C-alpha atoms as a PDB file:
ATOM      1  CA  MET A   1     -14.655  -8.232   7.686  1.00  0.00           C
ATOM      2  CA  CYS A   2     -11.638 -10.479   8.117  1.00  0.00           C
ATOM      3  CA  PRO A   3      -8.076  -9.172   7.697  1.00  0.00           C
ATOM      4  CA  THR A   4      -5.532 -11.558   6.240  1.00  0.00           C
ATOM      5  CA  PRO A   5      -1.708 -11.531   6.393  1.00  0.00           C
ATOM      6  CA  LEU A   6       0.217  -9.118   4.198  1.00  0.00           C
ATOM      7  CA  GLY A   7       2.607 -11.983   3.544  1.00  0.00           C
ATOM      8  CA  ASN A   8       3.680 -13.756   6.722  1.00  0.00           C
ATOM      9  CA  LEU A   9       1.112 -16.401   7.690  1.00  0.00           C
ATOM     10  CA  GLY A  10       2.160 -16.021  11.325  1.00  0.00           C
ATOM     11  CA  ASP A  11       0.255 -12.717  11.378  1.00  0.00           C
ATOM     12  CA  MET A  12      -3.111 -14.474  11.060  1.00  0.00           C
ATOM     13  CA  THR A  13      -4.901 -13.903  14.365  1.00  0.00           C
ATOM     14  CA  PRO A  14      -6.720 -16.766  16.142  1.00  0.00           C
ATOM     15  CA  ARG A  15      -9.920 -14.724  16.068  1.00  0.00           C
ATOM     16  CA  ALA A  16      -9.723 -14.204  12.304  1.00  0.00           C
ATOM     17  CA  LEU A  17      -8.986 -17.903  11.811  1.00  0.00           C
ATOM     18  CA  ASP A  18     -12.038 -18.834  13.893  1.00  0.00           C
ATOM     19  CA  ALA A  19     -14.164 -16.481  11.769  1.00  0.00           C
ATOM     20  CA  LEU A  20     -13.061 -18.219   8.557  1.00  0.00           C
ATOM     21  CA  ARG A  21     -13.746 -21.664  10.016  1.00  0.00           C
ATOM     22  CA  SER A  22     -17.241 -20.723  11.188  1.00  0.00           C
ATOM     23  CA  ALA A  23     -18.300 -18.839   8.055  1.00  0.00           C
ATOM     24  CA  ASP A  24     -21.132 -20.110   5.891  1.00  0.00           C
ATOM     25  CA  VAL A  25     -19.439 -18.501   2.886  1.00  0.00           C
ATOM     26  CA  VAL A  26     -16.221 -16.558   2.293  1.00  0.00           C
ATOM     27  CA  CYS A  27     -16.503 -13.704  -0.197  1.00  0.00           C
ATOM     28  CA  CYS A  28     -13.252 -12.336  -1.544  1.00  0.00           C
ATOM     29  CA  GLU A  29     -11.576 -10.256  -4.234  1.00  0.00           C
ATOM     30  CA  ASP A  30      -9.896 -13.265  -5.851  1.00  0.00           C
ATOM     31  CA  THR A  31     -10.968 -16.835  -5.061  1.00  0.00           C
ATOM     32  CA  ARG A  32      -7.567 -18.157  -6.178  1.00  0.00           C
ATOM     33  CA  VAL A  33      -5.656 -15.963  -3.732  1.00  0.00           C
ATOM     34  CA  THR A  34      -7.987 -16.631  -0.812  1.00  0.00           C
ATOM     35  CA  GLY A  35      -8.246 -20.314  -1.721  1.00  0.00           C
ATOM     36  CA  LYS A  36      -4.459 -20.700  -1.431  1.00  0.00           C
ATOM     37  CA  LEU A  37      -4.524 -18.885   1.915  1.00  0.00           C
ATOM     38  CA  LEU A  38      -7.241 -21.138   3.348  1.00  0.00           C
ATOM     39  CA  ALA A  39      -5.360 -24.230   2.173  1.00  0.00           C
ATOM     40  CA  ALA A  40      -2.171 -22.984   3.851  1.00  0.00           C
ATOM     41  CA  LEU A  41      -4.114 -22.306   7.055  1.00  0.00           C
ATOM     42  CA  GLY A  42      -5.774 -25.728   7.010  1.00  0.00           C
ATOM     43  CA  VAL A  43      -9.302 -24.382   6.513  1.00  0.00           C
ATOM     44  CA  ALA A  44     -10.975 -26.957   4.270  1.00  0.00           C
ATOM     45  CA  GLY A  45     -14.361 -27.297   2.586  1.00  0.00           C
ATOM     46  CA  LYS A  46     -15.235 -23.616   2.670  1.00  0.00           C
ATOM     47  CA  ARG A  47     -17.380 -22.129  -0.106  1.00  0.00           C
ATOM     48  CA  LEU A  48     -15.652 -19.222  -1.844  1.00  0.00           C
ATOM     49  CA  GLU A  49     -17.413 -16.548  -3.897  1.00  0.00           C
ATOM     50  CA  ARG A  50     -15.832 -13.788  -5.936  1.00  0.00           C
ATOM     51  CA  LEU A  51     -16.867 -10.309  -4.815  1.00  0.00           C
ATOM     52  CA  ASP A  52     -14.492  -7.812  -6.393  1.00  0.00           C
ATOM     53  CA  GLU A  53     -15.153  -4.285  -7.639  1.00  0.00           C
ATOM     54  CA  GLU A  54     -16.499  -5.579 -10.954  1.00  0.00           C
ATOM     55  CA  VAL A  55     -19.232  -7.789  -9.529  1.00  0.00           C
ATOM     56  CA  LEU A  56     -19.998  -6.062  -6.213  1.00  0.00           C
ATOM     57  CA  GLY A  57     -22.613  -3.747  -7.698  1.00  0.00           C
ATOM     58  CA  GLN A  58     -24.527  -6.743  -9.056  1.00  0.00           C
ATOM     59  CA  ARG A  59     -24.195  -9.015  -6.015  1.00  0.00           C
ATOM     60  CA  ALA A  60     -24.200  -6.694  -2.995  1.00  0.00           C
ATOM     61  CA  ALA A  61     -27.975  -6.940  -2.540  1.00  0.00           C
ATOM     62  CA  PHE A  62     -27.782 -10.735  -2.784  1.00  0.00           C
ATOM     63  CA  VAL A  63     -25.113 -10.856  -0.054  1.00  0.00           C
ATOM     64  CA  VAL A  64     -27.174  -8.521   2.148  1.00  0.00           C
ATOM     65  CA  ASP A  65     -30.232 -10.788   1.779  1.00  0.00           C
ATOM     66  CA  ARG A  66     -28.180 -13.789   2.905  1.00  0.00           C
ATOM     67  CA  VAL A  67     -26.896 -11.914   5.948  1.00  0.00           C
ATOM     68  CA  LEU A  68     -30.461 -10.904   6.840  1.00  0.00           C
ATOM     69  CA  ALA A  69     -31.493 -14.544   6.440  1.00  0.00           C
ATOM     70  CA  GLY A  70     -28.996 -15.530   9.127  1.00  0.00           C
ATOM     71  CA  GLU A  71     -25.924 -16.598   7.190  1.00  0.00           C
ATOM     72  CA  THR A  72     -22.455 -15.676   8.424  1.00  0.00           C
ATOM     73  CA  VAL A  73     -20.611 -14.099   5.527  1.00  0.00           C
ATOM     74  CA  VAL A  74     -16.888 -13.406   5.835  1.00  0.00           C
ATOM     75  CA  TYR A  75     -15.243 -10.958   3.440  1.00  0.00           C
ATOM     76  CA  CYS A  76     -11.473 -10.983   2.729  1.00  0.00           C
ATOM     77  CA  SER A  77      -9.381  -8.750   0.529  1.00  0.00           C
ATOM     78  CA  ASP A  78      -6.343 -10.222  -1.175  1.00  0.00           C
ATOM     79  CA  ALA A  79      -4.155  -9.128   1.765  1.00  0.00           C
ATOM     80  CA  GLY A  80      -4.425  -6.900   4.804  1.00  0.00           C
ATOM     81  CA  MET A  81      -7.459  -5.046   6.137  1.00  0.00           C
ATOM     82  CA  PRO A  82     -10.576  -5.325   3.957  1.00  0.00           C
ATOM     83  CA  GLY A  83     -12.352  -2.051   3.314  1.00  0.00           C
ATOM     84  CA  VAL A  84      -9.097  -0.107   2.862  1.00  0.00           C
ATOM     85  CA  SER A  85      -8.677   0.698  -0.847  1.00  0.00           C
ATOM     86  CA  ASP A  86     -10.799  -2.278  -1.882  1.00  0.00           C
ATOM     87  CA  PRO A  87     -14.527  -3.040  -2.466  1.00  0.00           C
ATOM     88  CA  GLY A  88     -15.092  -4.026   1.177  1.00  0.00           C
ATOM     89  CA  ALA A  89     -16.085  -0.489   2.151  1.00  0.00           C
ATOM     90  CA  ARG A  90     -19.076  -0.570  -0.206  1.00  0.00           C
ATOM     91  CA  LEU A  91     -20.138  -3.933   1.168  1.00  0.00           C
ATOM     92  CA  VAL A  92     -20.041  -2.660   4.772  1.00  0.00           C
ATOM     93  CA  SER A  93     -22.161   0.328   3.759  1.00  0.00           C
ATOM     94  CA  ALA A  94     -24.750  -1.851   1.988  1.00  0.00           C
ATOM     95  CA  VAL A  95     -25.065  -4.267   4.909  1.00  0.00           C
ATOM     96  CA  ARG A  96     -25.378  -1.476   7.484  1.00  0.00           C
ATOM     97  CA  ASP A  97     -27.965   0.366   5.355  1.00  0.00           C
ATOM     98  CA  ALA A  98     -30.046  -2.809   5.442  1.00  0.00           C
ATOM     99  CA  GLY A  99     -29.905  -2.832   9.240  1.00  0.00           C
ATOM    100  CA  ALA A 100     -27.738  -5.951   9.433  1.00  0.00           C
ATOM    101  CA  SER A 101     -24.769  -6.473  11.715  1.00  0.00           C
ATOM    102  CA  VAL A 102     -21.188  -5.857  10.622  1.00  0.00           C
ATOM    103  CA  GLU A 103     -18.204  -7.024  12.652  1.00  0.00           C
ATOM    104  CA  VAL A 104     -14.730  -5.798  11.688  1.00  0.00           C
ATOM    105  CA  LEU A 105     -11.857  -7.854  13.047  1.00  0.00           C
ATOM    106  CA  PRO A 106      -8.552  -6.074  13.734  1.00  0.00           C
ATOM    107  CA  GLY A 107      -5.444  -7.306  12.037  1.00  0.00           C
ATOM    108  CA  PRO A 108      -2.672  -6.631   9.519  1.00  0.00           C
ATOM    109  CA  THR A 109      -2.737  -3.436   7.493  1.00  0.00           C
ATOM    110  CA  ALA A 110      -0.011  -2.067   5.231  1.00  0.00           C
ATOM    111  CA  VAL A 111      -0.964   1.536   6.071  1.00  0.00           C
ATOM    112  CA  ALA A 112      -0.072   1.468   9.765  1.00  0.00           C
ATOM    113  CA  THR A 113       2.839  -0.932   9.179  1.00  0.00           C
ATOM    114  CA  ALA A 114       4.453   1.377   6.614  1.00  0.00           C
ATOM    115  CA  TYR A 115       3.842   4.472   8.746  1.00  0.00           C
ATOM    116  CA  ALA A 116       5.547   2.850  11.740  1.00  0.00           C
ATOM    117  CA  ALA A 117       8.378   1.416   9.615  1.00  0.00           C
ATOM    118  CA  SER A 118       9.239   4.851   8.179  1.00  0.00           C
ATOM    119  CA  GLY A 119      10.407   6.115  11.557  1.00  0.00           C
ATOM    120  CA  PHE A 120       8.944   9.557  10.840  1.00  0.00           C
ATOM    121  CA  SER A 121       8.057  11.165  14.155  1.00  0.00           C
ATOM    122  CA  CYS A 122       5.002  13.265  13.272  1.00  0.00           C
ATOM    123  CA  PRO A 123       2.086  11.815  15.339  1.00  0.00           C
ATOM    124  CA  ARG A 124      -0.439  12.357  12.534  1.00  0.00           C
ATOM    125  CA  PHE A 125      -0.690  10.557   9.218  1.00  0.00           C
ATOM    126  CA  TYR A 126      -2.921  10.837   6.179  1.00  0.00           C
ATOM    127  CA  PHE A 127      -3.739   7.805   4.043  1.00  0.00           C
ATOM    128  CA  GLY A 128      -4.444   8.684   0.421  1.00  0.00           C
ATOM    129  CA  GLY A 129      -5.028   5.223  -1.055  1.00  0.00           C
ATOM    130  CA  PHE A 130      -3.303   4.655  -4.392  1.00  0.00           C
ATOM    131  CA  PHE A 131      -1.456   7.730  -5.625  1.00  0.00           C
ATOM    132  CA  PRO A 132      -3.254   9.390  -8.590  1.00  0.00           C
ATOM    133  CA  ARG A 133      -2.143   8.186 -12.016  1.00  0.00           C
ATOM    134  CA  LYS A 134      -3.043  11.266 -14.058  1.00  0.00           C
ATOM    135  CA  GLU A 135      -0.534  14.105 -14.080  1.00  0.00           C
ATOM    136  CA  GLY A 136      -3.033  16.826 -13.151  1.00  0.00           C
ATOM    137  CA  GLU A 137      -4.470  14.848 -10.235  1.00  0.00           C
ATOM    138  CA  ARG A 138      -0.959  13.937  -9.099  1.00  0.00           C
ATOM    139  CA  ARG A 139       0.055  17.607  -9.130  1.00  0.00           C
ATOM    140  CA  ARG A 140      -2.960  18.568  -7.016  1.00  0.00           C
ATOM    141  CA  ALA A 141      -2.181  15.783  -4.547  1.00  0.00           C
ATOM    142  CA  LEU A 142       1.411  17.011  -4.232  1.00  0.00           C
ATOM    143  CA  ASP A 143       0.218  20.595  -3.696  1.00  0.00           C
ATOM    144  CA  THR A 144      -2.008  19.374  -0.867  1.00  0.00           C
ATOM    145  CA  LEU A 145       0.797  17.336   0.693  1.00  0.00           C
ATOM    146  CA  ALA A 146       3.143  20.317   0.622  1.00  0.00           C
ATOM    147  CA  HIS A 147       0.950  22.097   3.201  1.00  0.00           C
ATOM    148  CA  LEU A 148      -0.343  19.070   5.109  1.00  0.00           C
ATOM    149  CA  GLU A 149       0.819  18.856   8.712  1.00  0.00           C
ATOM    150  CA  ALA A 150       0.771  15.066   8.639  1.00  0.00           C
ATOM    151  CA  VAL A 151       2.826  12.237   7.181  1.00  0.00           C
ATOM    152  CA  GLY A 152       1.383  11.037   3.852  1.00  0.00           C
ATOM    153  CA  VAL A 153       0.966   7.307   3.221  1.00  0.00           C
ATOM    154  CA  PHE A 154       0.103   6.014  -0.243  1.00  0.00           C
ATOM    155  CA  TYR A 155      -0.026   2.707  -2.059  1.00  0.00           C
ATOM    156  CA  GLU A 156       1.793   2.587  -5.380  1.00  0.00           C
ATOM    157  CA  SER A 157       2.312   0.147  -8.223  1.00  0.00           C
ATOM    158  CA  PRO A 158       5.934  -0.877  -8.862  1.00  0.00           C
ATOM    159  CA  HIS A 159       5.386   0.184 -12.493  1.00  0.00           C
ATOM    160  CA  ARG A 160       4.599   3.770 -11.419  1.00  0.00           C
ATOM    161  CA  LEU A 161       7.025   4.126  -8.506  1.00  0.00           C
ATOM    162  CA  LEU A 162       9.745   5.906 -10.504  1.00  0.00           C
ATOM    163  CA  ALA A 163       7.249   8.425 -11.911  1.00  0.00           C
ATOM    164  CA  LEU A 164       6.041   9.227  -8.392  1.00  0.00           C
ATOM    165  CA  LEU A 165       9.572   9.623  -7.019  1.00  0.00           C
ATOM    166  CA  ASP A 166      10.461  11.894  -9.918  1.00  0.00           C
ATOM    167  CA  ALA A 167       7.412  14.081  -9.241  1.00  0.00           C
ATOM    168  CA  LEU A 168       8.244  14.189  -5.524  1.00  0.00           C
ATOM    169  CA  SER A 169      11.856  15.150  -6.190  1.00  0.00           C
ATOM    170  CA  LYS A 170      10.654  18.181  -8.162  1.00  0.00           C
ATOM    171  CA  ALA A 171       7.789  19.233  -5.881  1.00  0.00           C
ATOM    172  CA  MET A 172       9.394  18.499  -2.493  1.00  0.00           C
ATOM    173  CA  PRO A 173      13.131  17.953  -2.987  1.00  0.00           C
ATOM    174  CA  ARG A 174      13.976  18.275   0.715  1.00  0.00           C
ATOM    175  CA  ARG A 175      11.358  15.854   2.056  1.00  0.00           C
ATOM    176  CA  ARG A 176      12.296  12.502   3.527  1.00  0.00           C
ATOM    177  CA  VAL A 177      10.540   9.626   1.809  1.00  0.00           C
ATOM    178  CA  ALA A 178      10.295   5.942   2.727  1.00  0.00           C
ATOM    179  CA  VAL A 179       9.595   3.258   0.147  1.00  0.00           C
ATOM    180  CA  CYS A 180       8.244   0.195   1.963  1.00  0.00           C
ATOM    181  CA  ARG A 181       8.209  -2.868  -0.262  1.00  0.00           C
ATOM    182  CA  GLU A 182       6.953  -6.407   0.384  1.00  0.00           C
ATOM    183  CA  LEU A 183       6.102  -5.716   4.035  1.00  0.00           C
ATOM    184  CA  THR A 184       6.214  -8.821   6.286  1.00  0.00           C
ATOM    185  CA  LYS A 185       7.441 -10.963   3.377  1.00  0.00           C
ATOM    186  CA  VAL A 186      10.800 -12.650   2.804  1.00  0.00           C
ATOM    187  CA  HIS A 187      12.169  -9.774   0.722  1.00  0.00           C
ATOM    188  CA  GLU A 188      10.798  -6.951   2.887  1.00  0.00           C
ATOM    189  CA  GLU A 189      12.704  -3.683   2.667  1.00  0.00           C
ATOM    190  CA  VAL A 190      12.274  -0.109   3.845  1.00  0.00           C
ATOM    191  CA  VAL A 191      14.479   2.447   2.073  1.00  0.00           C
ATOM    192  CA  VAL A 192      14.549   6.025   3.433  1.00  0.00           C
ATOM    193  CA  GLY A 193      16.040   9.116   1.818  1.00  0.00           C
ATOM    194  CA  SER A 194      15.178  12.057  -0.400  1.00  0.00           C
ATOM    195  CA  ALA A 195      12.947  11.348  -3.391  1.00  0.00           C
ATOM    196  CA  ALA A 196      15.915  11.923  -5.724  1.00  0.00           C
ATOM    197  CA  GLU A 197      18.085   9.454  -3.790  1.00  0.00           C
ATOM    198  CA  LEU A 198      15.357   6.820  -3.858  1.00  0.00           C
ATOM    199  CA  ALA A 199      14.696   7.415  -7.554  1.00  0.00           C
ATOM    200  CA  SER A 200      18.358   6.680  -8.243  1.00  0.00           C
ATOM    201  CA  VAL A 201      18.270   3.487  -6.154  1.00  0.00           C
ATOM    202  CA  PHE A 202      15.133   2.072  -7.755  1.00  0.00           C
ATOM    203  CA  ALA A 203      15.967   3.226 -11.290  1.00  0.00           C
ATOM    204  CA  ALA A 204      19.200   1.228 -11.115  1.00  0.00           C
ATOM    205  CA  ARG A 205      17.279  -1.761  -9.853  1.00  0.00           C
ATOM    206  CA  ALA A 206      14.648  -1.418 -12.582  1.00  0.00           C
ATOM    207  CA  GLU A 207      17.356  -1.512 -15.241  1.00  0.00           C
ATOM    208  CA  LYS A 208      18.646  -4.810 -13.871  1.00  0.00           C
ATOM    209  CA  GLY A 209      15.357  -6.653 -13.764  1.00  0.00           C
ATOM    210  CA  GLY A 210      12.386  -4.483 -12.978  1.00  0.00           C
ATOM    211  CA  LEU A 211      10.569  -3.641  -9.771  1.00  0.00           C
ATOM    212  CA  LYS A 212       8.137  -6.071  -8.184  1.00  0.00           C
ATOM    213  CA  GLY A 213       6.018  -6.427  -5.084  1.00  0.00           C
ATOM    214  CA  GLU A 214       3.487  -4.482  -3.053  1.00  0.00           C
ATOM    215  CA  ILE A 215       4.677  -0.943  -2.285  1.00  0.00           C
ATOM    216  CA  ALA A 216       3.696   1.742   0.202  1.00  0.00           C
ATOM    217  CA  VAL A 217       5.287   5.187  -0.039  1.00  0.00           C
ATOM    218  CA  VAL A 218       5.525   7.329   3.101  1.00  0.00           C
ATOM    219  CA  ILE A 219       6.189  11.081   2.770  1.00  0.00           C
ATOM    220  CA  ASP A 220       7.401  12.992   5.820  1.00  0.00           C
ATOM    221  CA  VAL A 221       6.154  16.430   6.878  1.00  0.00           C
ATOM    222  CA  ALA A 222       8.195  19.493   5.976  1.00  0.00           C
ATOM    223  CA  GLY A 223      11.410  19.926   7.922  1.00  0.00           C
ATOM    224  CA  ALA A 224      12.617  23.202   9.403  1.00  0.00           C
ATOM    225  CA  GLN A 225      14.794  23.998   6.368  1.00  0.00           C
ATOM    226  CA  GLU A 226      11.914  23.463   3.948  1.00  0.00           C
ATOM    227  CA  GLU A 227       9.597  25.615   6.066  1.00  0.00           C
ATOM    228  CA  LEU A 228      12.147  28.448   6.115  1.00  0.00           C
ATOM    229  CA  GLN A 229      12.567  28.205   2.352  1.00  0.00           C
ATOM    230  CA  ALA A 230       8.782  28.260   1.831  1.00  0.00           C
ATOM    231  CA  ALA A 231       8.462  31.294   4.127  1.00  0.00           C
ATOM    232  CA  ASP A 232      11.205  33.121   2.206  1.00  0.00           C
ATOM    233  CA  GLU A 233       9.515  32.337  -1.106  1.00  0.00           C
ATOM    234  CA  ALA A 234       6.144  33.564   0.182  1.00  0.00           C
ATOM    235  CA  LEU A 235       7.745  36.777   1.421  1.00  0.00           C
ATOM    236  CA  ALA A 236       9.426  37.342  -1.950  1.00  0.00           C
ATOM    237  CA  ARG A 237       6.150  36.859  -3.811  1.00  0.00           C
ATOM    238  CA  ALA A 238       4.361  39.201  -1.395  1.00  0.00           C
ATOM    239  CA  GLN A 239       7.039  41.832  -1.933  1.00  0.00           C
ATOM    240  CA  GLN A 240       6.507  41.696  -5.699  1.00  0.00           C
ATOM    241  CA  GLU A 241       2.744  41.934  -5.276  1.00  0.00           C
ATOM    242  CA  ALA A 242       2.801  44.817  -2.759  1.00  0.00           C
ATOM    243  CA  GLY A 243       3.739  47.438  -5.342  1.00  0.00           C
ATOM    244  CA  ARG A 244       1.031  46.316  -7.770  1.00  0.00           C
ATOM    245  CA  LEU A 245      -1.636  46.362  -5.072  1.00  0.00           C
ATOM    246  CA  LEU A 246      -0.621  49.801  -3.870  1.00  0.00           C
ATOM    247  CA  ALA A 247      -0.983  51.156  -7.404  1.00  0.00           C
ATOM    248  CA  SER A 248      -4.607  50.018  -7.545  1.00  0.00           C
ATOM    249  CA  PRO A 249      -7.160  52.864  -7.479  1.00  0.00           C
ATOM    250  CA  GLY A 250      -8.462  53.492  -3.972  1.00  0.00           C
ATOM    251  CA  ALA A 251      -6.036  51.086  -2.298  1.00  0.00           C
ATOM    252  CA  THR A 252      -5.284  51.855   1.343  1.00  0.00           C
ATOM    253  CA  LYS A 253      -2.477  50.682   3.569  1.00  0.00           C
ATOM    254  CA  ARG A 254      -4.843  48.527   5.591  1.00  0.00           C
ATOM    255  CA  ASP A 255      -6.397  46.943   2.488  1.00  0.00           C
ATOM    256  CA  VAL A 256      -3.007  45.941   1.086  1.00  0.00           C
ATOM    257  CA  VAL A 257      -1.760  44.569   4.418  1.00  0.00           C
ATOM    258  CA  GLU A 258      -4.830  42.339   4.770  1.00  0.00           C
ATOM    259  CA  ARG A 259      -4.550  41.189   1.159  1.00  0.00           C
ATOM    260  CA  LEU A 260      -0.881  40.240   1.556  1.00  0.00           C
ATOM    261  CA  GLN A 261      -1.627  38.335   4.762  1.00  0.00           C
ATOM    262  CA  GLY A 262      -4.501  36.413   3.216  1.00  0.00           C
ATOM    263  CA  GLU A 263      -2.844  35.522  -0.084  1.00  0.00           C
ATOM    264  CA  PHE A 264       0.670  34.702   1.082  1.00  0.00           C
ATOM    265  CA  GLY A 265       0.238  33.648   4.707  1.00  0.00           C
ATOM    266  CA  ILE A 266       2.822  36.153   5.982  1.00  0.00           C
ATOM    267  CA  SER A 267       2.680  37.832   9.378  1.00  0.00           C
ATOM    268  CA  ARG A 268       0.985  41.193   9.894  1.00  0.00           C
ATOM    269  CA  ASN A 269       4.304  42.777  10.822  1.00  0.00           C
ATOM    270  CA  ASP A 270       5.934  41.528   7.615  1.00  0.00           C
ATOM    271  CA  ALA A 271       2.991  42.757   5.573  1.00  0.00           C
ATOM    272  CA  TYR A 272       3.208  46.219   7.139  1.00  0.00           C
ATOM    273  CA  ARG A 273       6.966  46.298   6.507  1.00  0.00           C
ATOM    274  CA  LEU A 274       6.530  45.416   2.826  1.00  0.00           C
ATOM    275  CA  VAL A 275       3.833  48.048   2.417  1.00  0.00           C
ATOM    276  CA  HIS A 276       6.026  50.671   4.087  1.00  0.00           C
ATOM    277  CA  GLU A 277       9.032  49.760   1.933  1.00  0.00           C
ATOM    278  CA  SER A 278       6.853  50.045  -1.170  1.00  0.00           C
ATOM    279  CA  GLY A 279       6.034  53.648  -0.330  1.00  0.00           C
ATOM    280  CA  ALA A 280       2.486  53.342   0.976  1.00  0.00           C
ATOM    281  CA  LYS A 281       0.561  56.385   2.099  1.00  0.00           C
ATOM    282  CA  PRO A 282      -1.832  56.081   5.073  1.00  0.00           C
END
């Protein structure tokens, strides 16, 4: 598994270059992309075979047989670390299941690069691959992110960036977001701000000529102000629910307190206070 530069050829490691030179065959997502890379790196006469998502299911067993027969097969994605949001993961699984050896070389990856470039200080991050396209799946992903105690890192198409920023501005208007575009390339940029601010920036740019390039979107964890707002909203919802629960047949003070804690995540003291204010009887 051989990582390749995100854009800057200077990021090709000597070890990865040696692996390409010594390979019996180089399998890749797109032979044109990898062919241009090998030519730029001065690696000549290497056999290239297409192994993208479409053909992997048909050819995985064939590749495994060649590895078992003693061939050295190198796999490259179009850019960055193979196996991250590309067919490489399935290939690794198939080779390992057959008892053959897999060696993963370290190297460039847009995930870690974007996370570091954001400047967000939370020590944990969650990589979600490409952000969901469908509205329902996108909404569920945003609901999960709202409560996740980790920075979220996602890949996104330039054609869907504005839709994502619009959804973020509605779901998490106070969150800091970083749009990392064309990492390590000539036109690299990292723009940080609220989702609404970034939507304005990139909408204006789209009107002038469209958005292009590889994009990673980094979403910060909730700040103190957002956490206070969420706590206030949860308390307000619990207050509305307390009266209804108390009116239920057979409801006791303890039952309602536990229900409010479990459903709204409020403290026991707050739950007791709401129950008392709602006129609970022991």
